């Protein structure tokens, strides 16, 4: 079975397609570091949309999502953006936890798994 890697870097790929499944790395707001939770979440979800499209799928085929928040009190703010973005009737299983992220300029990180 083939493996396709998307946006390959020296440490990791941003997405990997294996069989009929797409796995994304945890995405942070590369275009909105230090911005509000709302803006960071929008930036991350746009990056996920791009990666899924490049893999040949879209958010309607999400299987699972892991969300890390630097401060769990931002849960409602992040969810407002997530709820407006996620495909109605096609919501994935999901976990959301508070965690120290790689840099203080990032307040949200999201990784997903999707079917092709």
PDB file of N, CA and C in Angstrom:
ATOM      1  N   UNK A   1       0.853  -1.175   0.000  1.00  0.00           N
ATOM      2  CA  UNK A   1       0.000   0.000   0.000  1.00  0.00           C
ATOM      3  C   UNK A   1       0.900   1.240   0.000  1.00  0.00           C
ATOM      4  N   UNK A   2       0.562   2.187  -0.851  1.00  0.00           N
ATOM      5  CA  UNK A   2       1.403   3.370  -0.983  1.00  0.00           C
ATOM      6  C   UNK A   2       1.190   4.354   0.162  1.00  0.00           C
ATOM      7  N   UNK A   3       2.205   5.190   0.346  1.00  0.00           N
ATOM      8  CA  UNK A   3       2.154   6.267   1.326  1.00  0.00           C
ATOM      9  C   UNK A   3       2.466   7.560   0.580  1.00  0.00           C
ATOM     10  N   UNK A   4       1.604   8.566   0.749  1.00  0.00           N
ATOM     11  CA  UNK A   4       1.826   9.884   0.158  1.00  0.00           C
ATOM     12  C   UNK A   4       2.041  10.868   1.296  1.00  0.00           C
ATOM     13  N   UNK A   5       3.119  11.636   1.220  1.00  0.00           N
ATOM     14  CA  UNK A   5       3.415  12.637   2.243  1.00  0.00           C
ATOM     15  C   UNK A   5       3.226  14.032   1.645  1.00  0.00           C
ATOM     16  N   UNK A   6       2.607  14.910   2.413  1.00  0.00           N
ATOM     17  CA  UNK A   6       2.305  16.269   1.954  1.00  0.00           C
ATOM     18  C   UNK A   6       3.053  17.273   2.822  1.00  0.00           C
ATOM     19  N   UNK A   7       3.659  18.261   2.174  1.00  0.00           N
ATOM     20  CA  UNK A   7       4.451  19.286   2.871  1.00  0.00           C
ATOM     21  C   UNK A   7       5.495  18.622   3.772  1.00  0.00           C
ATOM     22  N   UNK A   8       6.391  17.905   3.137  1.00  0.00           N
ATOM     23  CA  UNK A   8       7.433  17.167   3.848  1.00  0.00           C
ATOM     24  C   UNK A   8       8.479  18.143   4.380  1.00  0.00           C
ATOM     25  N   UNK A   9       8.805  18.015   5.642  1.00  0.00           N
ATOM     26  CA  UNK A   9       9.848  18.822   6.261  1.00  0.00           C
ATOM     27  C   UNK A   9      10.912  17.920   6.854  1.00  0.00           C
ATOM     28  N   UNK A  10      11.958  18.497   7.414  1.00  0.00           N
ATOM     29  CA  UNK A  10      13.034  17.685   7.980  1.00  0.00           C
ATOM     30  C   UNK A  10      12.613  16.931   9.247  1.00  0.00           C
ATOM     31  N   UNK A  11      11.590  17.417   9.942  1.00  0.00           N
ATOM     32  CA  UNK A  11      11.146  16.788  11.184  1.00  0.00           C
ATOM     33  C   UNK A  11       9.875  15.987  10.997  1.00  0.00           C
ATOM     34  N   UNK A  12       8.977  16.489  10.142  1.00  0.00           N
ATOM     35  CA  UNK A  12       7.678  15.826   9.973  1.00  0.00           C
ATOM     36  C   UNK A  12       7.021  16.289   8.684  1.00  0.00           C
ATOM     37  N   UNK A  13       6.038  15.524   8.253  1.00  0.00           N
ATOM     38  CA  UNK A  13       5.174  15.920   7.146  1.00  0.00           C
ATOM     39  C   UNK A  13       3.923  16.541   7.753  1.00  0.00           C
ATOM     40  N   UNK A  14       3.315  17.465   7.041  1.00  0.00           N
ATOM     41  CA  UNK A  14       2.098  18.101   7.547  1.00  0.00           C
ATOM     42  C   UNK A  14       0.876  17.205   7.393  1.00  0.00           C
ATOM     43  N   UNK A  15       0.946  16.274   6.430  1.00  0.00           N
ATOM     44  CA  UNK A  15      -0.122  15.284   6.272  1.00  0.00           C
ATOM     45  C   UNK A  15       0.467  14.040   5.631  1.00  0.00           C
ATOM     46  N   UNK A  16      -0.143  12.902   5.935  1.00  0.00           N
ATOM     47  CA  UNK A  16       0.259  11.633   5.349  1.00  0.00           C
ATOM     48  C   UNK A  16      -1.008  10.887   4.939  1.00  0.00           C
ATOM     49  N   UNK A  17      -0.994  10.388   3.712  1.00  0.00           N
ATOM     50  CA  UNK A  17      -2.101   9.571   3.210  1.00  0.00           C
ATOM     51  C   UNK A  17      -1.612   8.139   3.142  1.00  0.00           C
ATOM     52  N   UNK A  18      -2.341   7.240   3.779  1.00  0.00           N
ATOM     53  CA  UNK A  18      -2.026   5.815   3.744  1.00  0.00           C
ATOM     54  C   UNK A  18      -3.333   5.073   3.536  1.00  0.00           C
ATOM     55  N   UNK A  19      -3.414   4.321   2.459  1.00  0.00           N
ATOM     56  CA  UNK A  19      -4.673   3.652   2.142  1.00  0.00           C
ATOM     57  C   UNK A  19      -5.748   4.691   1.893  1.00  0.00           C
ATOM     58  N   UNK A  20      -6.861   4.558   2.576  1.00  0.00           N
ATOM     59  CA  UNK A  20      -7.978   5.484   2.419  1.00  0.00           C
ATOM     60  C   UNK A  20      -8.089   6.460   3.582  1.00  0.00           C
ATOM     61  N   UNK A  21      -6.947   6.723   4.253  1.00  0.00           N
ATOM     62  CA  UNK A  21      -6.965   7.572   5.439  1.00  0.00           C
ATOM     63  C   UNK A  21      -5.920   8.673   5.330  1.00  0.00           C
ATOM     64  N   UNK A  22      -6.302   9.868   5.771  1.00  0.00           N
ATOM     65  CA  UNK A  22      -5.402  11.028   5.807  1.00  0.00           C
ATOM     66  C   UNK A  22      -5.184  11.411   7.265  1.00  0.00           C
ATOM     67  N   UNK A  23      -3.930  11.576   7.638  1.00  0.00           N
ATOM     68  CA  UNK A  23      -3.552  11.989   8.987  1.00  0.00           C
ATOM     69  C   UNK A  23      -2.853  13.333   8.875  1.00  0.00           C
ATOM     70  N   UNK A  24      -3.285  14.316   9.649  1.00  0.00           N
ATOM     71  CA  UNK A  24      -2.561  15.592   9.648  1.00  0.00           C
ATOM     72  C   UNK A  24      -1.746  15.715  10.932  1.00  0.00           C
ATOM     73  N   UNK A  25      -0.656  16.432  10.811  1.00  0.00           N
ATOM     74  CA  UNK A  25       0.106  16.818  11.989  1.00  0.00           C
ATOM     75  C   UNK A  25      -0.723  17.847  12.747  1.00  0.00           C
ATOM     76  N   UNK A  26      -0.403  18.067  13.998  1.00  0.00           N
ATOM     77  CA  UNK A  26      -1.049  19.144  14.736  1.00  0.00           C
ATOM     78  C   UNK A  26      -0.744  20.464  14.040  1.00  0.00           C
ATOM     79  N   UNK A  27      -1.786  21.220  13.726  1.00  0.00           N
ATOM     80  CA  UNK A  27      -1.640  22.486  13.013  1.00  0.00           C
ATOM     81  C   UNK A  27      -1.757  23.641  13.991  1.00  0.00           C
ATOM     82  N   UNK A  28      -0.850  24.597  13.865  1.00  0.00           N
ATOM     83  CA  UNK A  28      -0.915  25.832  14.640  1.00  0.00           C
ATOM     84  C   UNK A  28      -1.105  26.988  13.668  1.00  0.00           C
ATOM     85  N   UNK A  29      -1.416  28.156  14.187  1.00  0.00           N
ATOM     86  CA  UNK A  29      -1.743  29.323  13.365  1.00  0.00           C
ATOM     87  C   UNK A  29      -0.482  29.975  12.809  1.00  0.00           C
ATOM     88  N   UNK A  30       0.081  29.392  11.767  1.00  0.00           N
ATOM     89  CA  UNK A  30       1.308  29.928  11.168  1.00  0.00           C
ATOM     90  C   UNK A  30       1.118  31.347  10.632  1.00  0.00           C
ATOM     91  N   UNK A  31      -0.099  31.688  10.211  1.00  0.00           N
ATOM     92  CA  UNK A  31      -0.372  33.018   9.668  1.00  0.00           C
ATOM     93  C   UNK A  31      -0.962  33.978  10.698  1.00  0.00           C
ATOM     94  N   UNK A  32      -1.133  33.493  11.936  1.00  0.00           N
ATOM     95  CA  UNK A  32      -1.753  34.347  12.963  1.00  0.00           C
ATOM     96  C   UNK A  32      -1.153  34.104  14.347  1.00  0.00           C
ATOM     97  N   UNK A  33       0.172  33.946  14.449  1.00  0.00           N
ATOM     98  CA  UNK A  33       0.749  33.733  15.783  1.00  0.00           C
ATOM     99  C   UNK A  33       0.507  34.952  16.665  1.00  0.00           C
ATOM    100  N   UNK A  34       0.113  34.716  17.898  1.00  0.00           N
ATOM    101  CA  UNK A  34      -0.131  35.816  18.829  1.00  0.00           C
ATOM    102  C   UNK A  34      -1.499  36.449  18.689  1.00  0.00           C
ATOM    103  N   UNK A  35      -2.277  36.031  17.683  1.00  0.00           N
ATOM    104  CA  UNK A  35      -3.615  36.593  17.479  1.00  0.00           C
ATOM    105  C   UNK A  35      -4.594  35.957  18.465  1.00  0.00           C
ATOM    106  N   UNK A  36      -5.838  36.386  18.402  1.00  0.00           N
ATOM    107  CA  UNK A  36      -6.874  35.856  19.296  1.00  0.00           C
ATOM    108  C   UNK A  36      -7.104  34.371  19.025  1.00  0.00           C
ATOM    109  N   UNK A  37      -7.740  33.708  19.965  1.00  0.00           N
ATOM    110  CA  UNK A  37      -8.101  32.303  19.799  1.00  0.00           C
ATOM    111  C   UNK A  37      -8.988  32.149  18.567  1.00  0.00           C
ATOM    112  N   UNK A  38      -9.897  33.070  18.360  1.00  0.00           N
ATOM    113  CA  UNK A  38     -10.771  33.037  17.184  1.00  0.00           C
ATOM    114  C   UNK A  38      -9.952  33.067  15.905  1.00  0.00           C
ATOM    115  N   UNK A  39      -9.047  34.025  15.792  1.00  0.00           N
ATOM    116  CA  UNK A  39      -8.236  34.158  14.581  1.00  0.00           C
ATOM    117  C   UNK A  39      -7.300  32.973  14.398  1.00  0.00           C
ATOM    118  N   UNK A  40      -6.714  32.475  15.479  1.00  0.00           N
ATOM    119  CA  UNK A  40      -5.841  31.308  15.364  1.00  0.00           C
ATOM    120  C   UNK A  40      -6.630  30.085  14.909  1.00  0.00           C
ATOM    121  N   UNK A  41      -7.811  29.891  15.467  1.00  0.00           N
ATOM    122  CA  UNK A  41      -8.624  28.733  15.081  1.00  0.00           C
ATOM    123  C   UNK A  41      -9.016  28.826  13.617  1.00  0.00           C
ATOM    124  N   UNK A  42      -9.416  30.004  13.153  1.00  0.00           N
ATOM    125  CA  UNK A  42      -9.762  30.186  11.732  1.00  0.00           C
ATOM    126  C   UNK A  42      -8.570  29.863  10.834  1.00  0.00           C
ATOM    127  N   UNK A  43      -7.392  30.312  11.215  1.00  0.00           N
ATOM    128  CA  UNK A  43      -6.188  30.060  10.425  1.00  0.00           C
ATOM    129  C   UNK A  43      -5.878  28.565  10.381  1.00  0.00           C
ATOM    130  N   UNK A  44      -5.989  27.905  11.503  1.00  0.00           N
ATOM    131  CA  UNK A  44      -5.720  26.465  11.576  1.00  0.00           C
ATOM    132  C   UNK A  44      -6.715  25.691  10.706  1.00  0.00           C
ATOM    133  N   UNK A  45      -7.985  26.020  10.808  1.00  0.00           N
ATOM    134  CA  UNK A  45      -8.993  25.287  10.035  1.00  0.00           C
ATOM    135  C   UNK A  45      -8.816  25.519   8.539  1.00  0.00           C
ATOM    136  N   UNK A  46      -8.370  26.698   8.133  1.00  0.00           N
ATOM    137  CA  UNK A  46      -8.060  26.951   6.722  1.00  0.00           C
ATOM    138  C   UNK A  46      -6.886  26.077   6.274  1.00  0.00           C
ATOM    139  N   UNK A  47      -5.891  25.926   7.131  1.00  0.00           N
ATOM    140  CA  UNK A  47      -4.749  25.060   6.808  1.00  0.00           C
ATOM    141  C   UNK A  47      -5.193  23.604   6.691  1.00  0.00           C
ATOM    142  N   UNK A  48      -6.081  23.184   7.579  1.00  0.00           N
ATOM    143  CA  UNK A  48      -6.603  21.817   7.516  1.00  0.00           C
ATOM    144  C   UNK A  48      -7.399  21.620   6.230  1.00  0.00           C
ATOM    145  N   UNK A  49      -8.231  22.592   5.863  1.00  0.00           N
ATOM    146  CA  UNK A  49      -8.971  22.509   4.599  1.00  0.00           C
ATOM    147  C   UNK A  49      -8.016  22.327   3.423  1.00  0.00           C
ATOM    148  N   UNK A  50      -6.923  23.087   3.421  1.00  0.00           N
ATOM    149  CA  UNK A  50      -5.945  23.011   2.328  1.00  0.00           C
ATOM    150  C   UNK A  50      -5.284  21.637   2.282  1.00  0.00           C
ATOM    151  N   UNK A  51      -4.861  21.131   3.447  1.00  0.00           N
ATOM    152  CA  UNK A  51      -4.214  19.820   3.497  1.00  0.00           C
ATOM    153  C   UNK A  51      -5.166  18.707   3.061  1.00  0.00           C
ATOM    154  N   UNK A  52      -6.403  18.766   3.531  1.00  0.00           N
ATOM    155  CA  UNK A  52      -7.380  17.752   3.141  1.00  0.00           C
ATOM    156  C   UNK A  52      -7.641  17.798   1.637  1.00  0.00           C
ATOM    157  N   UNK A  53      -7.762  18.995   1.073  1.00  0.00           N
ATOM    158  CA  UNK A  53      -7.978  19.128  -0.369  1.00  0.00           C
ATOM    159  C   UNK A  53      -6.797  18.559  -1.149  1.00  0.00           C
ATOM    160  N   UNK A  54      -5.592  18.860  -0.699  1.00  0.00           N
ATOM    161  CA  UNK A  54      -4.410  18.333  -1.382  1.00  0.00           C
ATOM    162  C   UNK A  54      -4.359  16.807  -1.311  1.00  0.00           C
ATOM    163  N   UNK A  55      -4.897  16.250  -0.245  1.00  0.00           N
ATOM    164  CA  UNK A  55      -4.936  14.801  -0.085  1.00  0.00           C
ATOM    165  C   UNK A  55      -6.072  14.169  -0.882  1.00  0.00           C
ATOM    166  N   UNK A  56      -7.040  14.986  -1.319  1.00  0.00           N
ATOM    167  CA  UNK A  56      -8.152  14.473  -2.098  1.00  0.00           C
ATOM    168  C   UNK A  56      -9.431  14.237  -1.308  1.00  0.00           C
ATOM    169  N   UNK A  57      -9.586  14.956  -0.198  1.00  0.00           N
ATOM    170  CA  UNK A  57     -10.773  14.797   0.623  1.00  0.00           C
ATOM    171  C   UNK A  57     -11.200  16.149   1.173  1.00  0.00           C
ATOM    172  N   UNK A  58     -12.115  16.153   2.136  1.00  0.00           N
ATOM    173  CA  UNK A  58     -12.564  17.403   2.739  1.00  0.00           C
ATOM    174  C   UNK A  58     -13.111  17.144   4.142  1.00  0.00           C
ATOM    175  N   UNK A  59     -13.508  18.211   4.812  1.00  0.00           N
ATOM    176  CA  UNK A  59     -13.936  18.125   6.212  1.00  0.00           C
ATOM    177  C   UNK A  59     -15.182  17.276   6.420  1.00  0.00           C
ATOM    178  N   UNK A  60     -15.953  17.009   5.382  1.00  0.00           N
ATOM    179  CA  UNK A  60     -17.136  16.160   5.536  1.00  0.00           C
ATOM    180  C   UNK A  60     -16.753  14.703   5.792  1.00  0.00           C
ATOM    181  N   UNK A  61     -15.486  14.386   5.595  1.00  0.00           N
ATOM    182  CA  UNK A  61     -15.020  13.012   5.795  1.00  0.00           C
ATOM    183  C   UNK A  61     -14.114  12.885   7.023  1.00  0.00           C
ATOM    184  N   UNK A  62     -14.182  13.880   7.925  1.00  0.00           N
ATOM    185  CA  UNK A  62     -13.392  13.791   9.160  1.00  0.00           C
ATOM    186  C   UNK A  62     -13.828  12.583   9.982  1.00  0.00           C
ATOM    187  N   UNK A  63     -12.839  11.876  10.519  1.00  0.00           N
ATOM    188  CA  UNK A  63     -13.097  10.749  11.410  1.00  0.00           C
ATOM    189  C   UNK A  63     -12.867  11.134  12.864  1.00  0.00           C
ATOM    190  N   UNK A  64     -11.772  11.861  13.103  1.00  0.00           N
ATOM    191  CA  UNK A  64     -11.472  12.288  14.469  1.00  0.00           C
ATOM    192  C   UNK A  64     -10.675  13.581  14.454  1.00  0.00           C
ATOM    193  N   UNK A  65     -10.715  14.266  15.593  1.00  0.00           N
ATOM    194  CA  UNK A  65      -9.961  15.506  15.770  1.00  0.00           C
ATOM    195  C   UNK A  65      -9.419  15.545  17.196  1.00  0.00           C
ATOM    196  N   UNK A  66      -8.203  16.022  17.319  1.00  0.00           N
ATOM    197  CA  UNK A  66      -7.603  16.293  18.626  1.00  0.00           C
ATOM    198  C   UNK A  66      -7.303  17.778  18.671  1.00  0.00           C
ATOM    199  N   UNK A  67      -7.754  18.411  19.746  1.00  0.00           N
ATOM    200  CA  UNK A  67      -7.577  19.855  19.905  1.00  0.00           C
ATOM    201  C   UNK A  67      -6.868  20.104  21.226  1.00  0.00           C
ATOM    202  N   UNK A  68      -5.818  20.913  21.143  1.00  0.00           N
ATOM    203  CA  UNK A  68      -5.075  21.305  22.335  1.00  0.00           C
ATOM    204  C   UNK A  68      -5.239  22.811  22.514  1.00  0.00           C
ATOM    205  N   UNK A  69      -5.607  23.230  23.704  1.00  0.00           N
ATOM    206  CA  UNK A  69      -5.735  24.644  24.048  1.00  0.00           C
ATOM    207  C   UNK A  69      -4.717  24.977  25.126  1.00  0.00           C
ATOM    208  N   UNK A  70      -4.028  26.084  24.962  1.00  0.00           N
ATOM    209  CA  UNK A  70      -3.084  26.517  25.991  1.00  0.00           C
ATOM    210  C   UNK A  70      -3.820  26.850  27.291  1.00  0.00           C
ATOM    211  N   UNK A  71      -5.076  27.283  27.155  1.00  0.00           N
ATOM    212  CA  UNK A  71      -5.906  27.634  28.321  1.00  0.00           C
ATOM    213  C   UNK A  71      -7.315  27.132  28.057  1.00  0.00           C
ATOM    214  N   UNK A  72      -7.770  26.182  28.836  1.00  0.00           N
ATOM    215  CA  UNK A  72      -9.082  25.564  28.616  1.00  0.00           C
ATOM    216  C   UNK A  72     -10.223  26.576  28.750  1.00  0.00           C
ATOM    217  N   UNK A  73      -9.961  27.717  29.354  1.00  0.00           N
ATOM    218  CA  UNK A  73     -11.010  28.744  29.429  1.00  0.00           C
ATOM    219  C   UNK A  73     -11.325  29.320  28.045  1.00  0.00           C
ATOM    220  N   UNK A  74     -10.499  29.007  27.034  1.00  0.00           N
ATOM    221  CA  UNK A  74     -10.750  29.435  25.655  1.00  0.00           C
ATOM    222  C   UNK A  74     -11.631  28.448  24.893  1.00  0.00           C
ATOM    223  N   UNK A  75     -12.121  27.426  25.581  1.00  0.00           N
ATOM    224  CA  UNK A  75     -12.923  26.366  24.966  1.00  0.00           C
ATOM    225  C   UNK A  75     -14.115  26.921  24.180  1.00  0.00           C
ATOM    226  N   UNK A  76     -14.901  27.795  24.787  1.00  0.00           N
ATOM    227  CA  UNK A  76     -16.088  28.327  24.113  1.00  0.00           C
ATOM    228  C   UNK A  76     -15.725  29.177  22.896  1.00  0.00           C
ATOM    229  N   UNK A  77     -14.669  29.978  22.998  1.00  0.00           N
ATOM    230  CA  UNK A  77     -14.247  30.822  21.873  1.00  0.00           C
ATOM    231  C   UNK A  77     -13.790  29.959  20.698  1.00  0.00           C
ATOM    232  N   UNK A  78     -12.995  28.929  20.981  1.00  0.00           N
ATOM    233  CA  UNK A  78     -12.552  28.023  19.924  1.00  0.00           C
ATOM    234  C   UNK A  78     -13.745  27.300  19.327  1.00  0.00           C
ATOM    235  N   UNK A  79     -14.656  26.809  20.179  1.00  0.00           N
ATOM    236  CA  UNK A  79     -15.816  26.057  19.700  1.00  0.00           C
ATOM    237  C   UNK A  79     -16.726  26.884  18.810  1.00  0.00           C
ATOM    238  N   UNK A  80     -16.826  28.180  19.038  1.00  0.00           N
ATOM    239  CA  UNK A  80     -17.656  29.033  18.184  1.00  0.00           C
ATOM    240  C   UNK A  80     -17.165  28.972  16.736  1.00  0.00           C
ATOM    241  N   UNK A  81     -15.852  28.972  16.555  1.00  0.00           N
ATOM    242  CA  UNK A  81     -15.271  28.885  15.212  1.00  0.00           C
ATOM    243  C   UNK A  81     -15.406  27.457  14.683  1.00  0.00           C
ATOM    244  N   UNK A  82     -15.071  26.477  15.512  1.00  0.00           N
ATOM    245  CA  UNK A  82     -15.173  25.071  15.111  1.00  0.00           C
ATOM    246  C   UNK A  82     -16.591  24.742  14.653  1.00  0.00           C
ATOM    247  N   UNK A  83     -17.596  25.133  15.456  1.00  0.00           N
ATOM    248  CA  UNK A  83     -18.989  24.798  15.158  1.00  0.00           C
ATOM    249  C   UNK A  83     -19.458  25.410  13.837  1.00  0.00           C
ATOM    250  N   UNK A  84     -18.963  26.592  13.506  1.00  0.00           N
ATOM    251  CA  UNK A  84     -19.320  27.237  12.241  1.00  0.00           C
ATOM    252  C   UNK A  84     -18.616  26.570  11.055  1.00  0.00           C
ATOM    253  N   UNK A  85     -17.493  25.906  11.310  1.00  0.00           N
ATOM    254  CA  UNK A  85     -16.685  25.292  10.249  1.00  0.00           C
ATOM    255  C   UNK A  85     -17.045  23.841   9.972  1.00  0.00           C
ATOM    256  N   UNK A  86     -17.274  23.065  10.992  1.00  0.00           N
ATOM    257  CA  UNK A  86     -17.443  21.625  10.842  1.00  0.00           C
ATOM    258  C   UNK A  86     -18.678  21.320   9.990  1.00  0.00           C
ATOM    259  N   UNK A  87     -18.613  20.237   9.222  1.00  0.00           N
ATOM    260  CA  UNK A  87     -19.694  19.853   8.319  1.00  0.00           C
ATOM    261  C   UNK A  87     -20.877  19.287   9.106  1.00  0.00           C
ATOM    262  N   UNK A  88     -22.044  19.963   9.068  1.00  0.00           N
ATOM    263  CA  UNK A  88     -23.203  19.484   9.830  1.00  0.00           C
ATOM    264  C   UNK A  88     -23.562  18.041   9.449  1.00  0.00           C
ATOM    265  N   UNK A  89     -23.810  17.239  10.460  1.00  0.00           N
ATOM    266  CA  UNK A  89     -24.148  15.845  10.238  1.00  0.00           C
ATOM    267  C   UNK A  89     -22.952  14.945  10.005  1.00  0.00           C
ATOM    268  N   UNK A  90     -21.764  15.541   9.908  1.00  0.00           N
ATOM    269  CA  UNK A  90     -20.538  14.778   9.664  1.00  0.00           C
ATOM    270  C   UNK A  90     -19.483  15.071  10.723  1.00  0.00           C
ATOM    271  N   UNK A  91     -19.918  15.383  11.935  1.00  0.00           N
ATOM    272  CA  UNK A  91     -18.962  15.736  12.982  1.00  0.00           C
ATOM    273  C   UNK A  91     -18.129  14.516  13.376  1.00  0.00           C
ATOM    274  N   UNK A  92     -16.831  14.717  13.573  1.00  0.00           N
ATOM    275  CA  UNK A  92     -15.956  13.611  13.947  1.00  0.00           C
ATOM    276  C   UNK A  92     -16.007  13.329  15.444  1.00  0.00           C
ATOM    277  N   UNK A  93     -15.445  12.204  15.847  1.00  0.00           N
ATOM    278  CA  UNK A  93     -15.188  12.051  17.279  1.00  0.00           C
ATOM    279  C   UNK A  93     -14.081  13.056  17.606  1.00  0.00           C
ATOM    280  N   UNK A  94     -13.999  13.504  18.847  1.00  0.00           N
ATOM    281  CA  UNK A  94     -13.096  14.614  19.148  1.00  0.00           C
ATOM    282  C   UNK A  94     -12.660  14.592  20.591  1.00  0.00           C
ATOM    283  N   UNK A  95     -11.439  15.029  20.819  1.00  0.00           N
ATOM    284  CA  UNK A  95     -10.931  15.267  22.168  1.00  0.00           C
ATOM    285  C   UNK A  95     -10.400  16.691  22.202  1.00  0.00           C
ATOM    286  N   UNK A  96     -10.579  17.358  23.328  1.00  0.00           N
ATOM    287  CA  UNK A  96     -10.069  18.715  23.499  1.00  0.00           C
ATOM    288  C   UNK A  96      -9.510  18.818  24.912  1.00  0.00           C
ATOM    289  N   UNK A  97      -8.231  19.165  25.011  1.00  0.00           N
ATOM    290  CA  UNK A  97      -7.579  19.233  26.314  1.00  0.00           C
ATOM    291  C   UNK A  97      -6.752  20.500  26.445  1.00  0.00           C
ATOM    292  N   UNK A  98      -6.458  20.860  27.683  1.00  0.00           N
ATOM    293  CA  UNK A  98      -5.531  21.944  27.957  1.00  0.00           C
ATOM    294  C   UNK A  98      -4.126  21.371  27.973  1.00  0.00           C
ATOM    295  N   UNK A  99      -3.219  22.073  27.307  1.00  0.00           N
ATOM    296  CA  UNK A  99      -1.840  21.595  27.222  1.00  0.00           C
ATOM    297  C   UNK A  99      -0.903  22.768  26.957  1.00  0.00           C
ATOM    298  N   UNK A 100       0.275  22.695  27.500  1.00  0.00           N
ATOM    299  CA  UNK A 100       1.293  23.691  27.170  1.00  0.00           C
ATOM    300  C   UNK A 100       1.721  23.428  25.731  1.00  0.00           C
ATOM    301  N   UNK A 101       1.648  24.442  24.874  1.00  0.00           N
ATOM    302  CA  UNK A 101       2.004  24.286  23.466  1.00  0.00           C
ATOM    303  C   UNK A 101       3.464  24.669  23.247  1.00  0.00           C
ATOM    304  N   UNK A 102       3.952  24.424  22.046  1.00  0.00           N
ATOM    305  CA  UNK A 102       5.375  24.593  21.742  1.00  0.00           C
ATOM    306  C   UNK A 102       5.876  26.021  21.906  1.00  0.00           C
ATOM    307  N   UNK A 103       4.989  26.998  21.730  1.00  0.00           N
ATOM    308  CA  UNK A 103       5.373  28.403  21.850  1.00  0.00           C
ATOM    309  C   UNK A 103       4.219  29.175  22.466  1.00  0.00           C
ATOM    310  N   UNK A 104       4.509  30.159  23.311  1.00  0.00           N
ATOM    311  CA  UNK A 104       3.432  30.950  23.918  1.00  0.00           C
ATOM    312  C   UNK A 104       2.628  31.767  22.907  1.00  0.00           C
ATOM    313  N   UNK A 105       3.152  31.964  21.705  1.00  0.00           N
ATOM    314  CA  UNK A 105       2.403  32.718  20.693  1.00  0.00           C
ATOM    315  C   UNK A 105       1.262  31.895  20.091  1.00  0.00           C
ATOM    316  N   UNK A 106       1.249  30.587  20.358  1.00  0.00           N
ATOM    317  CA  UNK A 106       0.175  29.722  19.877  1.00  0.00           C
ATOM    318  C   UNK A 106      -0.720  29.325  21.037  1.00  0.00           C
ATOM    319  N   UNK A 107      -2.034  29.489  20.842  1.00  0.00           N
ATOM    320  CA  UNK A 107      -3.000  29.160  21.890  1.00  0.00           C
ATOM    321  C   UNK A 107      -3.869  27.964  21.531  1.00  0.00           C
ATOM    322  N   UNK A 108      -3.823  27.548  20.264  1.00  0.00           N
ATOM    323  CA  UNK A 108      -4.640  26.443  19.778  1.00  0.00           C
ATOM    324  C   UNK A 108      -3.781  25.575  18.852  1.00  0.00           C
ATOM    325  N   UNK A 109      -3.987  24.260  18.916  1.00  0.00           N
ATOM    326  CA  UNK A 109      -3.384  23.328  17.966  1.00  0.00           C
ATOM    327  C   UNK A 109      -4.437  22.270  17.661  1.00  0.00           C
ATOM    328  N   UNK A 110      -4.565  21.913  16.386  1.00  0.00           N
ATOM    329  CA  UNK A 110      -5.568  20.930  15.979  1.00  0.00           C
ATOM    330  C   UNK A 110      -4.955  19.946  14.979  1.00  0.00           C
ATOM    331  N   UNK A 111      -5.199  18.670  15.227  1.00  0.00           N
ATOM    332  CA  UNK A 111      -4.822  17.613  14.290  1.00  0.00           C
ATOM    333  C   UNK A 111      -6.043  16.769  13.990  1.00  0.00           C
ATOM    334  N   UNK A 112      -6.181  16.327  12.733  1.00  0.00           N
ATOM    335  CA  UNK A 112      -7.349  15.541  12.351  1.00  0.00           C
ATOM    336  C   UNK A 112      -6.939  14.290  11.591  1.00  0.00           C
ATOM    337  N   UNK A 113      -7.880  13.348  11.536  1.00  0.00           N
ATOM    338  CA  UNK A 113      -7.782  12.172  10.691  1.00  0.00           C
ATOM    339  C   UNK A 113      -9.049  12.152   9.858  1.00  0.00           C
ATOM    340  N   UNK A 114      -8.901  11.882   8.552  1.00  0.00           N
ATOM    341  CA  UNK A 114     -10.053  11.880   7.651  1.00  0.00           C
ATOM    342  C   UNK A 114      -9.976  10.701   6.692  1.00  0.00           C
ATOM    343  N   UNK A 115     -11.124  10.306   6.196  1.00  0.00           N
ATOM    344  CA  UNK A 115     -11.207   9.299   5.149  1.00  0.00           C
ATOM    345  C   UNK A 115     -11.080   9.979   3.789  1.00  0.00           C
ATOM    346  N   UNK A 116     -10.650   9.225   2.811  1.00  0.00           N
ATOM    347  CA  UNK A 116     -10.605   9.766   1.440  1.00  0.00           C
ATOM    348  C   UNK A 116     -11.976   9.670   0.808  1.00  0.00           C
TER     349      UNK A 116
END
